[in-house]
Amino acid sequence: MDTRHRHIRIERAAWLVAAVAALGATFALYARPAFLVTLIDQIWSCF
């Protein structure tokens, strides 16, 4: 495998890891009800 294909595979893997980390962080925050209440209160205060 040449370096160009290796670079593409590494970049694709990095994006996959970043996406999984973002989804995991989102799930962890939404699993906490106090966070949801604070988020809704902040959004509501904009109106």
Protein backbone atom coordinates (compact mmCIF):
# COMPACT_ATOMS: atom_id res chain seq x y z
CA MET A 1 0.00 0.00 0.00
CA ASP A 2 1.45 3.36 -0.91
CA THR A 3 1.53 6.34 1.40
CA ARG A 4 -1.40 8.10 -0.29
CA HIS A 5 -3.79 5.23 0.41
CA ARG A 6 -2.45 4.92 3.93
CA HIS A 7 -3.05 8.63 4.53
CA ILE A 8 -6.63 8.33 3.27
CA ARG A 9 -7.29 5.35 5.55
CA ILE A 10 -5.83 7.14 8.57
CA GLU A 11 -7.89 10.25 7.82
CA ARG A 12 -11.06 8.20 7.44
CA ALA A 13 -10.35 6.38 10.71
CA ALA A 14 -9.74 9.69 12.48
CA TRP A 15 -13.10 11.03 11.28
CA LEU A 16 -14.80 7.85 12.44
CA VAL A 17 -13.22 8.10 15.90
CA ALA A 18 -14.22 11.78 16.13
CA ALA A 19 -17.81 10.99 15.16
CA VAL A 20 -18.07 8.15 17.69
CA ALA A 21 -16.60 10.38 20.41
CA ALA A 22 -19.08 13.17 19.60
CA LEU A 23 -22.02 10.75 19.68
CA GLY A 24 -20.81 9.25 22.94
CA ALA A 25 -20.44 12.67 24.55
CA THR A 26 -23.91 13.68 23.37
CA PHE A 27 -25.42 10.50 24.78
CA ALA A 28 -23.62 11.00 28.09
CA LEU A 29 -24.97 14.54 28.42
CA TYR A 30 -28.54 13.61 27.48
CA ALA A 31 -28.50 10.79 30.01
CA ARG A 32 -28.28 13.44 32.75
CA PRO A 33 -31.73 15.01 33.35
CA ALA A 34 -30.29 18.07 35.12
CA PHE A 35 -28.35 18.93 31.98
CA LEU A 36 -31.51 18.77 29.89
CA VAL A 37 -33.38 21.07 32.27
CA THR A 38 -30.53 23.60 32.21
CA LEU A 39 -30.31 23.43 28.42
CA ILE A 40 -34.04 23.98 27.96
CA ASP A 41 -34.00 26.87 30.46
CA GLN A 42 -31.16 28.54 28.55
CA ILE A 43 -32.90 28.09 25.21
CA TRP A 44 -36.20 29.36 26.63
CA SER A 45 -34.53 32.46 28.06
CA CYS A 46 -33.57 33.52 24.52
CA PHE A 47 -37.26 34.16 23.79
